């Protein structure tokens, strides 16, 4: 695994109900069904039900979340809109 200031990057899923992610640089967008992260390994999309961030420390590049995890996907950085743009779209959907 690659390493950053906070140690090695990667993730661990525990019984589909908890997840630890290392190497987190930024949280691009989040709601109860989707969390989009910028990691040292590229954009990471998490999908599920009842998702919520339980711990976040960007200085240590560490995030914990809880909820039912259905999908974990690294995305190509050139494959779609930037995290910032995608995050704005998600927030717009939330406020409608």
PDB file of N, CA and C in Angstrom:
ATOM      1  N   UNK A   1       0.835  -1.178   0.000  1.00  0.00           N
ATOM      2  CA  UNK A   1       0.000   0.000   0.000  1.00  0.00           C
ATOM      3  C   UNK A   1       0.882   1.243   0.000  1.00  0.00           C
ATOM      4  N   UNK A   2       0.361   2.281  -0.639  1.00  0.00           N
ATOM      5  CA  UNK A   2       1.070   3.558  -0.654  1.00  0.00           C
ATOM      6  C   UNK A   2       1.038   4.160   0.733  1.00  0.00           C
ATOM      7  N   UNK A   3       1.909   5.086   0.960  1.00  0.00           N
ATOM      8  CA  UNK A   3       1.937   5.717   2.273  1.00  0.00           C
ATOM      9  C   UNK A   3       1.831   7.214   2.158  1.00  0.00           C
ATOM     10  N   UNK A   4       1.262   7.835   3.132  1.00  0.00           N
ATOM     11  CA  UNK A   4       1.165   9.278   3.199  1.00  0.00           C
ATOM     12  C   UNK A   4       1.627   9.717   4.566  1.00  0.00           C
ATOM     13  N   UNK A   5       1.420  10.999   4.885  1.00  0.00           N
ATOM     14  CA  UNK A   5       1.826  11.494   6.189  1.00  0.00           C
ATOM     15  C   UNK A   5       1.165  10.736   7.339  1.00  0.00           C
ATOM     16  N   UNK A   6      -0.039  10.227   7.119  1.00  0.00           N
ATOM     17  CA  UNK A   6      -0.759   9.524   8.169  1.00  0.00           C
ATOM     18  C   UNK A   6      -0.513   8.034   8.183  1.00  0.00           C
ATOM     19  N   UNK A   7       0.438   7.563   7.385  1.00  0.00           N
ATOM     20  CA  UNK A   7       0.719   6.135   7.337  1.00  0.00           C
ATOM     21  C   UNK A   7       0.218   5.529   6.044  1.00  0.00           C
ATOM     22  N   UNK A   8       0.108   4.213   6.001  1.00  0.00           N
ATOM     23  CA  UNK A   8      -0.315   3.544   4.771  1.00  0.00           C
ATOM     24  C   UNK A   8      -1.749   3.892   4.398  1.00  0.00           C
ATOM     25  N   UNK A   9      -2.026   3.853   3.101  1.00  0.00           N
ATOM     26  CA  UNK A   9      -3.386   4.119   2.639  1.00  0.00           C
ATOM     27  C   UNK A   9      -4.112   2.808   2.413  1.00  0.00           C
ATOM     28  N   UNK A  10      -5.430   2.885   2.331  1.00  0.00           N
ATOM     29  CA  UNK A  10      -6.249   1.707   2.094  1.00  0.00           C
ATOM     30  C   UNK A  10      -7.494   1.757   2.944  1.00  0.00           C
ATOM     31  N   UNK A  11      -8.223   0.652   2.959  1.00  0.00           N
ATOM     32  CA  UNK A  11      -9.446   0.623   3.753  1.00  0.00           C
ATOM     33  C   UNK A  11      -9.689  -0.778   4.295  1.00  0.00           C
ATOM     34  N   UNK A  12     -10.507  -0.808   5.340  1.00  0.00           N
ATOM     35  CA  UNK A  12     -10.904  -2.069   5.969  1.00  0.00           C
ATOM     36  C   UNK A  12     -12.409  -1.996   6.216  1.00  0.00           C
ATOM     37  N   UNK A  13     -13.130  -2.989   5.733  1.00  0.00           N
ATOM     38  CA  UNK A  13     -14.572  -3.084   5.956  1.00  0.00           C
ATOM     39  C   UNK A  13     -14.807  -4.167   6.999  1.00  0.00           C
ATOM     40  N   UNK A  14     -15.588  -3.814   8.025  1.00  0.00           N
ATOM     41  CA  UNK A  14     -15.853  -4.742   9.122  1.00  0.00           C
ATOM     42  C   UNK A  14     -17.330  -5.125   9.086  1.00  0.00           C
ATOM     43  N   UNK A  15     -17.617  -6.349   8.669  1.00  0.00           N
ATOM     44  CA  UNK A  15     -18.974  -6.905   8.643  1.00  0.00           C
ATOM     45  C   UNK A  15     -19.983  -6.004   7.926  1.00  0.00           C
ATOM     46  N   UNK A  16     -19.533  -5.315   6.892  1.00  0.00           N
ATOM     47  CA  UNK A  16     -20.367  -4.424   6.074  1.00  0.00           C
ATOM     48  C   UNK A  16     -21.055  -3.324   6.862  1.00  0.00           C
ATOM     49  N   UNK A  17     -20.731  -3.186   8.149  1.00  0.00           N
ATOM     50  CA  UNK A  17     -21.392  -2.182   8.971  1.00  0.00           C
ATOM     51  C   UNK A  17     -20.472  -1.078   9.448  1.00  0.00           C
ATOM     52  N   UNK A  18     -19.179  -1.269   9.307  1.00  0.00           N
ATOM     53  CA  UNK A  18     -18.192  -0.267   9.710  1.00  0.00           C
ATOM     54  C   UNK A  18     -17.068  -0.269   8.691  1.00  0.00           C
ATOM     55  N   UNK A  19     -16.403   0.880   8.573  1.00  0.00           N
ATOM     56  CA  UNK A  19     -15.296   0.970   7.632  1.00  0.00           C
ATOM     57  C   UNK A  19     -14.271   1.963   8.159  1.00  0.00           C
ATOM     58  N   UNK A  20     -13.006   1.624   7.962  1.00  0.00           N
ATOM     59  CA  UNK A  20     -11.889   2.505   8.276  1.00  0.00           C
ATOM     60  C   UNK A  20     -11.179   2.799   6.961  1.00  0.00           C
ATOM     61  N   UNK A  21     -10.918   4.082   6.700  1.00  0.00           N
ATOM     62  CA  UNK A  21     -10.219   4.484   5.483  1.00  0.00           C
ATOM     63  C   UNK A  21      -8.990   5.285   5.903  1.00  0.00           C
ATOM     64  N   UNK A  22      -7.839   4.904   5.362  1.00  0.00           N
ATOM     65  CA  UNK A  22      -6.588   5.623   5.616  1.00  0.00           C
ATOM     66  C   UNK A  22      -6.121   6.270   4.319  1.00  0.00           C
ATOM     67  N   UNK A  23      -5.463   7.401   4.442  1.00  0.00           N
ATOM     68  CA  UNK A  23      -4.988   8.116   3.261  1.00  0.00           C
ATOM     69  C   UNK A  23      -6.010   9.121   2.745  1.00  0.00           C
ATOM     70  N   UNK A  24      -6.949   9.544   3.592  1.00  0.00           N
ATOM     71  CA  UNK A  24      -7.999  10.487   3.194  1.00  0.00           C
ATOM     72  C   UNK A  24      -7.434  11.901   3.182  1.00  0.00           C
ATOM     73  N   UNK A  25      -7.529  12.568   2.032  1.00  0.00           N
ATOM     74  CA  UNK A  25      -7.067  13.949   1.913  1.00  0.00           C
ATOM     75  C   UNK A  25      -8.219  14.943   2.065  1.00  0.00           C
ATOM     76  N   UNK A  26      -9.418  14.538   1.629  1.00  0.00           N
ATOM     77  CA  UNK A  26     -10.559  15.452   1.638  1.00  0.00           C
ATOM     78  C   UNK A  26     -11.855  14.649   1.521  1.00  0.00           C
ATOM     79  N   UNK A  27     -12.911  15.147   2.170  1.00  0.00           N
ATOM     80  CA  UNK A  27     -14.253  14.594   1.973  1.00  0.00           C
ATOM     81  C   UNK A  27     -14.927  15.494   0.956  1.00  0.00           C
ATOM     82  N   UNK A  28     -15.188  14.944  -0.233  1.00  0.00           N
ATOM     83  CA  UNK A  28     -15.771  15.743  -1.309  1.00  0.00           C
ATOM     84  C   UNK A  28     -17.253  15.974  -1.125  1.00  0.00           C
ATOM     85  N   UNK A  29     -17.969  14.960  -0.717  1.00  0.00           N
ATOM     86  CA  UNK A  29     -19.415  15.053  -0.547  1.00  0.00           C
ATOM     87  C   UNK A  29     -19.868  13.844   0.256  1.00  0.00           C
ATOM     88  N   UNK A  30     -20.988  14.011   0.951  1.00  0.00           N
ATOM     89  CA  UNK A  30     -21.516  12.862   1.671  1.00  0.00           C
ATOM     90  C   UNK A  30     -22.983  13.066   1.998  1.00  0.00           C
ATOM     91  N   UNK A  31     -23.700  11.962   2.050  1.00  0.00           N
ATOM     92  CA  UNK A  31     -25.059  11.891   2.575  1.00  0.00           C
ATOM     93  C   UNK A  31     -25.250  10.468   3.079  1.00  0.00           C
ATOM     94  N   UNK A  32     -26.470  10.060   3.360  1.00  0.00           N
ATOM     95  CA  UNK A  32     -26.700   8.737   3.950  1.00  0.00           C
ATOM     96  C   UNK A  32     -26.518   7.582   2.968  1.00  0.00           C
ATOM     97  N   UNK A  33     -26.439   7.874   1.661  1.00  0.00           N
ATOM     98  CA  UNK A  33     -26.285   6.799   0.684  1.00  0.00           C
ATOM     99  C   UNK A  33     -24.976   6.854  -0.095  1.00  0.00           C
ATOM    100  N   UNK A  34     -24.242   7.969  -0.013  1.00  0.00           N
ATOM    101  CA  UNK A  34     -23.031   8.093  -0.810  1.00  0.00           C
ATOM    102  C   UNK A  34     -22.020   8.996  -0.109  1.00  0.00           C
ATOM    103  N   UNK A  35     -20.779   8.549  -0.083  1.00  0.00           N
ATOM    104  CA  UNK A  35     -19.675   9.355   0.431  1.00  0.00           C
ATOM    105  C   UNK A  35     -18.578   9.334  -0.622  1.00  0.00           C
ATOM    106  N   UNK A  36     -18.104  10.516  -0.999  1.00  0.00           N
ATOM    107  CA  UNK A  36     -17.054  10.636  -1.997  1.00  0.00           C
ATOM    108  C   UNK A  36     -15.823  11.230  -1.327  1.00  0.00           C
ATOM    109  N   UNK A  37     -14.723  10.485  -1.368  1.00  0.00           N
ATOM    110  CA  UNK A  37     -13.491  10.891  -0.701  1.00  0.00           C
ATOM    111  C   UNK A  37     -12.384  11.103  -1.713  1.00  0.00           C
ATOM    112  N   UNK A  38     -11.515  12.056  -1.434  1.00  0.00           N
ATOM    113  CA  UNK A  38     -10.269  12.181  -2.178  1.00  0.00           C
ATOM    114  C   UNK A  38      -9.199  11.541  -1.298  1.00  0.00           C
ATOM    115  N   UNK A  39      -8.560  10.502  -1.832  1.00  0.00           N
ATOM    116  CA  UNK A  39      -7.523   9.793  -1.075  1.00  0.00           C
ATOM    117  C   UNK A  39      -6.191   9.918  -1.803  1.00  0.00           C
ATOM    118  N   UNK A  40      -5.132   9.504  -1.144  1.00  0.00           N
ATOM    119  CA  UNK A  40      -3.814   9.533  -1.774  1.00  0.00           C
ATOM    120  C   UNK A  40      -3.747   8.582  -2.969  1.00  0.00           C
ATOM    121  N   UNK A  41      -4.652   7.626  -3.046  1.00  0.00           N
ATOM    122  CA  UNK A  41      -4.703   6.681  -4.164  1.00  0.00           C
ATOM    123  C   UNK A  41      -5.718   7.082  -5.231  1.00  0.00           C
ATOM    124  N   UNK A  42      -6.380   8.236  -5.074  1.00  0.00           N
ATOM    125  CA  UNK A  42      -7.372   8.705  -6.033  1.00  0.00           C
ATOM    126  C   UNK A  42      -8.751   8.774  -5.393  1.00  0.00           C
ATOM    127  N   UNK A  43      -9.739   9.234  -6.166  1.00  0.00           N
ATOM    128  CA  UNK A  43     -11.108   9.354  -5.645  1.00  0.00           C
ATOM    129  C   UNK A  43     -11.678   7.991  -5.252  1.00  0.00           C
ATOM    130  N   UNK A  44     -12.353   7.960  -4.108  1.00  0.00           N
ATOM    131  CA  UNK A  44     -12.954   6.731  -3.591  1.00  0.00           C
ATOM    132  C   UNK A  44     -14.430   6.996  -3.331  1.00  0.00           C
ATOM    133  N   UNK A  45     -15.296   6.215  -3.970  1.00  0.00           N
ATOM    134  CA  UNK A  45     -16.739   6.351  -3.835  1.00  0.00           C
ATOM    135  C   UNK A  45     -17.269   5.216  -2.971  1.00  0.00           C
ATOM    136  N   UNK A  46     -18.013   5.570  -1.939  1.00  0.00           N
ATOM    137  CA  UNK A  46     -18.629   4.592  -1.040  1.00  0.00           C
ATOM    138  C   UNK A  46     -20.135   4.740  -1.146  1.00  0.00           C
ATOM    139  N   UNK A  47     -20.840   3.634  -1.320  1.00  0.00           N
ATOM    140  CA  UNK A  47     -22.305   3.672  -1.387  1.00  0.00           C
ATOM    141  C   UNK A  47     -22.873   2.681  -0.399  1.00  0.00           C
ATOM    142  N   UNK A  48     -24.050   3.032   0.145  1.00  0.00           N
ATOM    143  CA  UNK A  48     -24.688   2.145   1.097  1.00  0.00           C
ATOM    144  C   UNK A  48     -25.973   2.749   1.619  1.00  0.00           C
ATOM    145  N   UNK A  49     -26.325   2.381   2.839  1.00  0.00           N
ATOM    146  CA  UNK A  49     -27.558   2.846   3.473  1.00  0.00           C
ATOM    147  C   UNK A  49     -27.234   3.305   4.886  1.00  0.00           C
ATOM    148  N   UNK A  50     -27.780   4.438   5.275  1.00  0.00           N
ATOM    149  CA  UNK A  50     -27.563   4.944   6.624  1.00  0.00           C
ATOM    150  C   UNK A  50     -26.114   5.260   6.932  1.00  0.00           C
ATOM    151  N   UNK A  51     -25.357   5.688   5.923  1.00  0.00           N
ATOM    152  CA  UNK A  51     -23.939   5.970   6.124  1.00  0.00           C
ATOM    153  C   UNK A  51     -23.755   7.248   6.937  1.00  0.00           C
ATOM    154  N   UNK A  52     -22.856   7.212   7.882  1.00  0.00           N
ATOM    155  CA  UNK A  52     -22.478   8.416   8.608  1.00  0.00           C
ATOM    156  C   UNK A  52     -21.031   8.308   9.067  1.00  0.00           C
ATOM    157  N   UNK A  53     -20.355   9.449   9.018  1.00  0.00           N
ATOM    158  CA  UNK A  53     -18.955   9.529   9.409  1.00  0.00           C
ATOM    159  C   UNK A  53     -18.897   9.618  10.927  1.00  0.00           C
ATOM    160  N   UNK A  54     -18.198   8.676  11.549  1.00  0.00           N
ATOM    161  CA  UNK A  54     -18.105   8.661  13.007  1.00  0.00           C
ATOM    162  C   UNK A  54     -16.813   9.287  13.514  1.00  0.00           C
ATOM    163  N   UNK A  55     -15.781   9.299  12.680  1.00  0.00           N
ATOM    164  CA  UNK A  55     -14.522   9.923  13.072  1.00  0.00           C
ATOM    165  C   UNK A  55     -13.797  10.388  11.819  1.00  0.00           C
ATOM    166  N   UNK A  56     -13.258  11.608  11.880  1.00  0.00           N
ATOM    167  CA  UNK A  56     -12.511  12.160  10.756  1.00  0.00           C
ATOM    168  C   UNK A  56     -11.335  12.958  11.305  1.00  0.00           C
ATOM    169  N   UNK A  57     -10.137  12.638  10.835  1.00  0.00           N
ATOM    170  CA  UNK A  57      -8.937  13.380  11.195  1.00  0.00           C
ATOM    171  C   UNK A  57      -8.120  13.549   9.920  1.00  0.00           C
ATOM    172  N   UNK A  58      -8.255  14.710   9.273  1.00  0.00           N
ATOM    173  CA  UNK A  58      -7.550  14.943   8.019  1.00  0.00           C
ATOM    174  C   UNK A  58      -6.052  15.124   8.225  1.00  0.00           C
ATOM    175  N   UNK A  59      -5.640  15.585   9.410  1.00  0.00           N
ATOM    176  CA  UNK A  59      -4.203  15.699   9.684  1.00  0.00           C
ATOM    177  C   UNK A  59      -3.536  14.330   9.645  1.00  0.00           C
ATOM    178  N   UNK A  60      -4.243  13.314  10.130  1.00  0.00           N
ATOM    179  CA  UNK A  60      -3.721  11.942  10.109  1.00  0.00           C
ATOM    180  C   UNK A  60      -4.265  11.135   8.936  1.00  0.00           C
ATOM    181  N   UNK A  61      -5.064  11.788   8.085  1.00  0.00           N
ATOM    182  CA  UNK A  61      -5.652  11.170   6.886  1.00  0.00           C
ATOM    183  C   UNK A  61      -6.441   9.909   7.241  1.00  0.00           C
ATOM    184  N   UNK A  62      -7.326  10.034   8.213  1.00  0.00           N
ATOM    185  CA  UNK A  62      -8.039   8.893   8.786  1.00  0.00           C
ATOM    186  C   UNK A  62      -9.535   9.184   8.867  1.00  0.00           C
ATOM    187  N   UNK A  63     -10.352   8.209   8.488  1.00  0.00           N
ATOM    188  CA  UNK A  63     -11.804   8.348   8.556  1.00  0.00           C
ATOM    189  C   UNK A  63     -12.414   7.020   8.982  1.00  0.00           C
ATOM    190  N   UNK A  64     -13.428   7.091   9.838  1.00  0.00           N
ATOM    191  CA  UNK A  64     -14.231   5.917  10.190  1.00  0.00           C
ATOM    192  C   UNK A  64     -15.671   6.242   9.848  1.00  0.00           C
ATOM    193  N   UNK A  65     -16.399   5.233   9.380  1.00  0.00           N
ATOM    194  CA  UNK A  65     -17.813   5.427   9.105  1.00  0.00           C
ATOM    195  C   UNK A  65     -18.597   4.200   9.515  1.00  0.00           C
ATOM    196  N   UNK A  66     -19.896   4.399   9.691  1.00  0.00           N
ATOM    197  CA  UNK A  66     -20.803   3.313  10.053  1.00  0.00           C
ATOM    198  C   UNK A  66     -22.015   3.370   9.135  1.00  0.00           C
ATOM    199  N   UNK A  67     -22.703   2.257   9.017  1.00  0.00           N
ATOM    200  CA  UNK A  67     -23.862   2.115   8.148  1.00  0.00           C
ATOM    201  C   UNK A  67     -23.675   0.880   7.284  1.00  0.00           C
ATOM    202  N   UNK A  68     -24.668   0.551   6.501  1.00  0.00           N
ATOM    203  CA  UNK A  68     -24.573  -0.627   5.619  1.00  0.00           C
ATOM    204  C   UNK A  68     -23.795  -0.252   4.370  1.00  0.00           C
ATOM    205  N   UNK A  69     -22.668  -0.911   4.152  1.00  0.00           N
ATOM    206  CA  UNK A  69     -21.787  -0.617   3.026  1.00  0.00           C
ATOM    207  C   UNK A  69     -22.110  -1.585   1.890  1.00  0.00           C
ATOM    208  N   UNK A  70     -22.537  -1.027   0.754  1.00  0.00           N
ATOM    209  CA  UNK A  70     -22.914  -1.846  -0.399  1.00  0.00           C
ATOM    210  C   UNK A  70     -21.879  -1.820  -1.518  1.00  0.00           C
ATOM    211  N   UNK A  71     -21.126  -0.712  -1.639  1.00  0.00           N
ATOM    212  CA  UNK A  71     -20.187  -0.590  -2.753  1.00  0.00           C
ATOM    213  C   UNK A  71     -19.009   0.284  -2.352  1.00  0.00           C
ATOM    214  N   UNK A  72     -17.812  -0.163  -2.740  1.00  0.00           N
ATOM    215  CA  UNK A  72     -16.582   0.604  -2.559  1.00  0.00           C
ATOM    216  C   UNK A  72     -15.894   0.613  -3.916  1.00  0.00           C
ATOM    217  N   UNK A  73     -15.609   1.816  -4.447  1.00  0.00           N
ATOM    218  CA  UNK A  73     -15.061   1.890  -5.798  1.00  0.00           C
ATOM    219  C   UNK A  73     -14.053   3.026  -5.914  1.00  0.00           C
ATOM    220  N   UNK A  74     -12.828   2.694  -6.343  1.00  0.00           N
ATOM    221  CA  UNK A  74     -11.877   3.732  -6.718  1.00  0.00           C
ATOM    222  C   UNK A  74     -12.263   4.218  -8.106  1.00  0.00           C
ATOM    223  N   UNK A  75     -12.240   5.521  -8.304  1.00  0.00           N
ATOM    224  CA  UNK A  75     -12.636   6.113  -9.578  1.00  0.00           C
ATOM    225  C   UNK A  75     -11.416   6.715 -10.262  1.00  0.00           C
ATOM    226  N   UNK A  76     -11.433   6.726 -11.571  1.00  0.00           N
ATOM    227  CA  UNK A  76     -10.381   7.393 -12.325  1.00  0.00           C
ATOM    228  C   UNK A  76     -10.585   8.894 -12.188  1.00  0.00           C
ATOM    229  N   UNK A  77      -9.513   9.623 -11.965  1.00  0.00           N
ATOM    230  CA  UNK A  77      -9.640  11.066 -11.765  1.00  0.00           C
ATOM    231  C   UNK A  77     -10.122  11.772 -13.013  1.00  0.00           C
ATOM    232  N   UNK A  78      -9.870  11.223 -14.194  1.00  0.00           N
ATOM    233  CA  UNK A  78     -10.286  11.861 -15.437  1.00  0.00           C
ATOM    234  C   UNK A  78     -11.630  11.338 -15.933  1.00  0.00           C
ATOM    235  N   UNK A  79     -12.249  10.420 -15.202  1.00  0.00           N
ATOM    236  CA  UNK A  79     -13.463   9.755 -15.683  1.00  0.00           C
ATOM    237  C   UNK A  79     -14.718  10.597 -15.520  1.00  0.00           C
ATOM    238  N   UNK A  80     -14.697  11.629 -14.714  1.00  0.00           N
ATOM    239  CA  UNK A  80     -15.913  12.389 -14.492  1.00  0.00           C
ATOM    240  C   UNK A  80     -15.622  13.714 -13.851  1.00  0.00           C
ATOM    241  N   UNK A  81     -16.656  14.332 -13.306  1.00  0.00           N
ATOM    242  CA  UNK A  81     -16.476  15.635 -12.690  1.00  0.00           C
ATOM    243  C   UNK A  81     -15.560  15.556 -11.470  1.00  0.00           C
ATOM    244  N   UNK A  82     -14.947  16.690 -11.176  1.00  0.00           N
ATOM    245  CA  UNK A  82     -14.054  16.754 -10.023  1.00  0.00           C
ATOM    246  C   UNK A  82     -14.838  16.527  -8.739  1.00  0.00           C
ATOM    247  N   UNK A  83     -14.111  16.198  -7.672  1.00  0.00           N
ATOM    248  CA  UNK A  83     -14.756  16.015  -6.369  1.00  0.00           C
ATOM    249  C   UNK A  83     -15.516  17.269  -5.965  1.00  0.00           C
ATOM    250  N   UNK A  84     -14.914  18.405  -6.195  1.00  0.00           N
ATOM    251  CA  UNK A  84     -15.554  19.659  -5.797  1.00  0.00           C
ATOM    252  C   UNK A  84     -16.860  19.850  -6.577  1.00  0.00           C
ATOM    253  N   UNK A  85     -16.831  19.616  -7.890  1.00  0.00           N
ATOM    254  CA  UNK A  85     -18.042  19.762  -8.699  1.00  0.00           C
ATOM    255  C   UNK A  85     -19.085  18.718  -8.317  1.00  0.00           C
ATOM    256  N   UNK A  86     -18.661  17.484  -8.147  1.00  0.00           N
ATOM    257  CA  UNK A  86     -19.588  16.424  -7.782  1.00  0.00           C
ATOM    258  C   UNK A  86     -20.199  16.679  -6.411  1.00  0.00           C
ATOM    259  N   UNK A  87     -19.388  17.185  -5.482  1.00  0.00           N
ATOM    260  CA  UNK A  87     -19.881  17.523  -4.151  1.00  0.00           C
ATOM    261  C   UNK A  87     -20.949  18.594  -4.201  1.00  0.00           C
ATOM    262  N   UNK A  88     -20.787  19.585  -5.064  1.00  0.00           N
ATOM    263  CA  UNK A  88     -21.792  20.636  -5.208  1.00  0.00           C
ATOM    264  C   UNK A  88     -23.096  20.048  -5.736  1.00  0.00           C
ATOM    265  N   UNK A  89     -22.994  19.129  -6.711  1.00  0.00           N
ATOM    266  CA  UNK A  89     -24.208  18.505  -7.238  1.00  0.00           C
ATOM    267  C   UNK A  89     -24.933  17.721  -6.159  1.00  0.00           C
ATOM    268  N   UNK A  90     -24.201  17.013  -5.330  1.00  0.00           N
ATOM    269  CA  UNK A  90     -24.802  16.227  -4.259  1.00  0.00           C
ATOM    270  C   UNK A  90     -25.480  17.148  -3.239  1.00  0.00           C
ATOM    271  N   UNK A  91     -24.805  18.223  -2.873  1.00  0.00           N
ATOM    272  CA  UNK A  91     -25.399  19.172  -1.929  1.00  0.00           C
ATOM    273  C   UNK A  91     -26.642  19.827  -2.512  1.00  0.00           C
ATOM    274  N   UNK A  92     -26.627  20.118  -3.797  1.00  0.00           N
ATOM    275  CA  UNK A  92     -27.817  20.688  -4.451  1.00  0.00           C
ATOM    276  C   UNK A  92     -28.976  19.729  -4.366  1.00  0.00           C
ATOM    277  N   UNK A  93     -28.733  18.424  -4.577  1.00  0.00           N
ATOM    278  CA  UNK A  93     -29.791  17.425  -4.472  1.00  0.00           C
ATOM    279  C   UNK A  93     -30.336  17.355  -3.055  1.00  0.00           C
ATOM    280  N   UNK A  94     -29.462  17.502  -2.063  1.00  0.00           N
ATOM    281  CA  UNK A  94     -29.889  17.425  -0.673  1.00  0.00           C
ATOM    282  C   UNK A  94     -30.839  18.569  -0.302  1.00  0.00           C
ATOM    283  N   UNK A  95     -30.591  19.748  -0.833  1.00  0.00           N
ATOM    284  CA  UNK A  95     -31.365  20.935  -0.444  1.00  0.00           C
ATOM    285  C   UNK A  95     -32.660  21.076  -1.226  1.00  0.00           C
ATOM    286  N   UNK A  96     -32.882  20.243  -2.226  1.00  0.00           N
ATOM    287  CA  UNK A  96     -34.130  20.322  -3.009  1.00  0.00           C
ATOM    288  C   UNK A  96     -35.293  19.744  -2.236  1.00  0.00           C
TER     289      UNK A  96
END
